[in-house]
Amino acid sequence: MTIKKQMIFCDFDGTITNSDNIIAIMKKFAPEEWEDIKNKVLSQEISIKEGVGKMFALLPTEQKEVIKEFIVANAEIRDGFKEFVAYTKEEGIPLYIVSGGIDFFVEPLLAGLIEETNIYCNQSDFSGEKINILWPHACDEKCNNDCGCCKPSIIRKLADTDTYKIVIGDSITDLEAAKLADQVIARDFLIKKCEEQSIAFSPFETFYNVMDILKKREVTA
């Protein structure tokens, strides 16, 4: 039998896409000081919110269209994602995208695949000289990590206490969500963090792998 009340919370950058789009933007358009900011985020010396905000504040707003065109042209969706979306719909499993990415590239890349109401990400303000990041999904009273887009808060908002919560991700931005999950499906840096903190996980490289992992649970449940 299948587990009832499953819910999937899936990261975007480096998870749905093959590479991290924020990193790609910084490598292409930002001055070199972005790397020091990134390293401080990964080492947890500064918060994700502070780091992402500082990195985008390095970029002039006049580059908006060039940056957007660059990402839409170069970002690659990971193998099997379209089939994975179809699988979740067939199985009736709610799929939410919880992303530390920014609306001006997350939403165009997911257009036609995921309803906008199921996408939770940061927003952008181009009214000033530099790109300003807005945080509509800030931490709730149970989180003090200054996440920016707070994945644990979104999970608490959407999932009931008896919901079987599946988290799919690849980086430090997914760690706090992984701590709340009943099942973690991980790749890249998130694997390292899960191993360090003794969080059980299943590794993946494509969304065909993810579907296989979920189908095995159905068989053994």
Protein backbone atom coordinates (compact mmCIF):
# COMPACT_ATOMS: atom_id res chain seq x y z
CA MET A 1 0.00 0.00 0.00
CA THR A 2 1.07 3.61 -0.39
CA ILE A 3 1.71 5.99 2.46
CA LYS A 4 -1.14 8.47 2.86
CA LYS A 5 -0.63 12.23 3.25
CA GLN A 6 2.77 12.39 1.60
CA MET A 7 4.10 15.83 0.69
CA ILE A 8 7.24 16.67 -1.28
CA PHE A 9 9.36 19.77 -0.71
CA CYS A 10 11.93 20.14 -3.48
CA ASP A 11 14.79 22.60 -3.81
CA PHE A 12 15.41 24.34 -7.15
CA ASP A 13 19.01 25.52 -7.73
CA GLY A 14 21.36 22.57 -8.14
CA THR A 15 18.48 20.16 -7.54
CA ILE A 16 15.91 20.73 -10.28
CA THR A 17 18.58 22.48 -12.33
CA ASN A 18 21.94 20.83 -12.97
CA SER A 19 23.85 23.78 -11.54
CA ASP A 20 23.27 26.55 -9.02
CA ASN A 21 21.86 29.54 -10.88
CA ILE A 22 22.87 32.09 -8.25
CA ILE A 23 26.47 30.88 -8.49
CA ALA A 24 26.26 30.99 -12.30
CA ILE A 25 25.01 34.59 -12.16
CA MET A 26 27.78 35.63 -9.77
CA LYS A 27 30.52 33.97 -11.82
CA LYS A 28 29.30 35.74 -14.95
CA PHE A 29 28.34 39.20 -13.69
CA ALA A 30 29.62 39.94 -10.17
CA PRO A 31 32.94 41.40 -9.01
CA GLU A 32 35.29 38.96 -7.32
CA GLU A 33 34.22 39.75 -3.74
CA TRP A 34 31.13 37.55 -4.21
CA GLU A 35 33.29 34.47 -3.60
CA ASP A 36 34.19 35.53 -0.07
CA ILE A 37 30.49 36.06 0.68
CA LYS A 38 29.63 32.61 -0.73
CA ASN A 39 32.32 30.94 1.38
CA LYS A 40 31.02 32.61 4.54
CA VAL A 41 27.52 31.28 3.78
CA LEU A 42 28.76 27.72 3.21
CA SER A 43 30.79 27.81 6.44
CA GLN A 44 27.71 29.23 8.22
CA GLU A 45 29.72 32.28 9.29
CA ILE A 46 26.91 34.47 7.94
CA SER A 47 23.27 33.60 7.29
CA ILE A 48 21.89 32.57 3.92
CA LYS A 49 19.69 35.68 3.88
CA GLU A 50 22.60 38.00 4.55
CA GLY A 51 24.81 36.27 2.00
CA VAL A 52 22.32 36.19 -0.85
CA GLY A 53 21.32 39.78 -0.19
CA LYS A 54 24.94 40.95 -0.22
CA MET A 55 25.79 39.03 -3.39
CA PHE A 56 22.91 40.49 -5.41
CA ALA A 57 23.65 43.96 -4.03
CA LEU A 58 26.87 43.75 -6.05
CA LEU A 59 24.86 43.77 -9.31
CA PRO A 60 23.44 46.89 -11.00
CA THR A 61 19.72 46.74 -11.78
CA GLU A 62 20.37 47.78 -15.37
CA GLN A 63 21.62 44.23 -15.96
CA LYS A 64 18.24 42.64 -15.14
CA GLU A 65 17.28 41.56 -18.65
CA VAL A 66 20.79 40.42 -19.57
CA ILE A 67 21.01 38.29 -16.40
CA LYS A 68 17.53 36.83 -16.92
CA GLU A 69 18.29 35.98 -20.56
CA PHE A 70 21.59 34.38 -19.54
CA ILE A 71 19.97 32.08 -16.98
CA VAL A 72 16.96 31.12 -19.11
CA ALA A 73 19.31 30.32 -22.02
CA ASN A 74 21.89 28.38 -20.01
CA ALA A 75 20.10 26.67 -17.10
CA GLU A 76 19.50 22.96 -17.65
CA ILE A 77 16.67 21.05 -16.01
CA ARG A 78 17.88 17.80 -14.43
CA ASP A 79 17.03 14.60 -16.27
CA GLY A 80 13.67 13.12 -15.35
CA PHE A 81 12.15 16.19 -13.73
CA LYS A 82 9.22 16.48 -16.14
CA GLU A 83 8.48 12.79 -15.65
CA PHE A 84 8.81 13.23 -11.89
CA VAL A 85 6.24 16.05 -11.92
CA ALA A 86 3.88 13.82 -13.91
CA TYR A 87 4.47 10.98 -11.42
CA THR A 88 3.57 13.15 -8.41
CA LYS A 89 0.36 14.22 -10.14
CA GLU A 90 -0.56 10.62 -10.99
CA GLU A 91 0.06 9.56 -7.40
CA GLY A 92 -1.73 12.59 -5.95
CA ILE A 93 1.35 13.71 -3.99
CA PRO A 94 1.50 17.50 -3.47
CA LEU A 95 4.80 18.89 -4.81
CA TYR A 96 6.09 22.23 -3.55
CA ILE A 97 9.19 23.99 -4.83
CA VAL A 98 10.99 25.68 -1.93
CA SER A 99 13.87 27.72 -3.25
CA GLY A 100 16.44 30.20 -2.07
CA GLY A 101 16.50 31.31 -5.70
CA ILE A 102 14.94 34.48 -7.04
CA ASP A 103 11.57 34.90 -8.76
CA PHE A 104 12.91 36.48 -11.97
CA PHE A 105 14.63 33.23 -12.97
CA VAL A 106 12.88 30.53 -10.91
CA GLU A 107 9.39 31.22 -12.25
CA PRO A 108 10.31 31.39 -15.98
CA LEU A 109 12.27 28.12 -15.76
CA LEU A 110 9.35 26.33 -14.08
CA ALA A 111 6.64 27.82 -16.30
CA GLY A 112 4.38 25.10 -17.67
CA LEU A 113 5.70 22.55 -15.17
CA ILE A 114 4.72 23.82 -11.72
CA GLU A 115 1.81 26.07 -10.74
CA GLU A 116 3.03 29.40 -9.37
CA THR A 117 0.99 28.82 -6.20
CA ASN A 118 3.27 25.84 -5.46
CA ILE A 119 6.50 27.85 -5.87
CA TYR A 120 8.05 29.45 -2.79
CA CYS A 121 11.11 31.58 -3.53
CA ASN A 122 12.66 34.98 -2.86
CA GLN A 123 11.56 38.06 -4.79
CA SER A 124 13.48 40.89 -6.40
CA ASP A 125 13.27 44.67 -6.49
CA PHE A 126 14.91 46.50 -9.41
CA SER A 127 13.79 50.02 -8.48
CA GLY A 128 17.18 51.14 -7.15
CA GLU A 129 20.71 51.18 -8.55
CA LYS A 130 21.53 47.68 -7.24
CA ILE A 131 19.42 44.52 -7.17
CA ASN A 132 17.53 44.28 -3.88
CA ILE A 133 16.27 40.88 -2.73
CA LEU A 134 12.93 40.67 -0.89
CA TRP A 135 12.01 37.95 1.58
CA PRO A 136 8.29 37.04 1.51
CA HIS A 137 8.91 33.67 3.20
CA ALA A 138 10.89 34.71 6.26
CA CYS A 139 11.52 32.58 9.34
CA ASP A 140 8.63 31.90 11.71
CA GLU A 141 8.91 32.08 15.50
CA LYS A 142 10.44 28.59 15.64
CA CYS A 143 13.43 29.45 13.43
CA ASN A 144 16.21 31.90 14.19
CA ASN A 145 18.59 30.97 11.35
CA ASP A 146 17.79 34.04 9.22
CA CYS A 147 17.16 31.74 6.26
CA GLY A 148 15.77 34.22 3.77
CA CYS A 149 13.39 31.76 2.17
CA CYS A 150 12.80 29.66 5.29
CA LYS A 151 12.14 26.11 4.18
CA PRO A 152 11.36 24.76 7.68
CA SER A 153 8.77 27.54 8.17
CA ILE A 154 7.13 26.68 4.83
CA ILE A 155 7.03 22.99 5.80
CA ARG A 156 5.40 23.82 9.13
CA LYS A 157 2.87 26.03 7.33
CA LEU A 158 1.86 23.45 4.70
CA ALA A 159 2.26 20.07 6.41
CA ASP A 160 0.20 18.57 9.21
CA THR A 161 1.92 16.80 12.09
CA ASP A 162 1.04 13.41 10.60
CA THR A 163 2.13 14.31 7.03
CA TYR A 164 4.98 12.18 5.65
CA LYS A 165 7.42 14.91 4.61
CA ILE A 166 9.89 14.24 1.78
CA VAL A 167 12.70 16.76 1.26
CA ILE A 168 14.81 16.78 -1.92
CA GLY A 169 17.87 19.03 -2.03
CA ASP A 170 21.56 19.55 -2.62
CA SER A 171 23.04 22.24 -0.37
CA ILE A 172 23.35 24.03 2.96
CA THR A 173 20.05 25.80 2.21
CA ASP A 174 18.27 22.44 2.52
CA LEU A 175 19.84 21.31 5.80
CA GLU A 176 17.25 22.73 8.20
CA ALA A 177 14.43 21.33 6.07
CA ALA A 178 16.16 17.94 6.06
CA LYS A 179 16.08 17.95 9.86
CA LEU A 180 12.26 18.10 9.74
CA ALA A 181 11.84 15.49 7.02
CA ASP A 182 10.65 11.91 7.33
CA GLN A 183 12.66 11.12 4.21
CA VAL A 184 15.62 13.00 2.69
CA ILE A 185 16.75 12.56 -0.91
CA ALA A 186 20.09 14.33 -1.32
CA ARG A 187 23.00 15.09 -3.58
CA ASP A 188 26.21 17.11 -3.51
CA PHE A 189 26.88 19.28 -0.41
CA LEU A 190 23.70 18.20 1.38
CA ILE A 191 25.05 14.65 1.47
CA LYS A 192 28.11 15.89 3.35
CA LYS A 193 25.99 17.84 5.85
CA CYS A 194 23.61 14.90 6.39
CA GLU A 195 26.55 12.60 7.05
CA GLU A 196 28.05 15.10 9.52
CA GLN A 197 24.77 15.34 11.43
CA SER A 198 23.73 11.68 11.13
CA ILE A 199 20.63 12.44 9.05
CA ALA A 200 19.48 9.42 7.04
CA PHE A 201 19.23 10.07 3.28
CA SER A 202 19.02 8.43 -0.12
CA PRO A 203 21.43 9.78 -2.78
CA PHE A 204 20.31 10.77 -6.26
CA GLU A 205 21.64 12.22 -9.49
CA THR A 206 18.52 12.31 -11.68
CA PHE A 207 14.81 12.49 -10.99
CA TYR A 208 14.50 9.00 -12.43
CA ASN A 209 16.51 7.99 -9.32
CA VAL A 210 14.10 9.97 -7.14
CA MET A 211 11.10 8.17 -8.63
CA ASP A 212 12.77 4.79 -8.06
CA ILE A 213 13.42 5.72 -4.41
CA LEU A 214 9.80 6.73 -3.87
CA LYS A 215 8.43 3.66 -5.65
CA LYS A 216 10.54 1.38 -3.43
CA ARG A 217 8.92 3.00 -0.40
CA GLU A 218 5.49 2.25 -1.84
CA VAL A 219 6.39 -1.41 -2.24
CA THR A 220 7.79 -1.79 1.28
CA ALA A 221 5.23 0.40 3.08
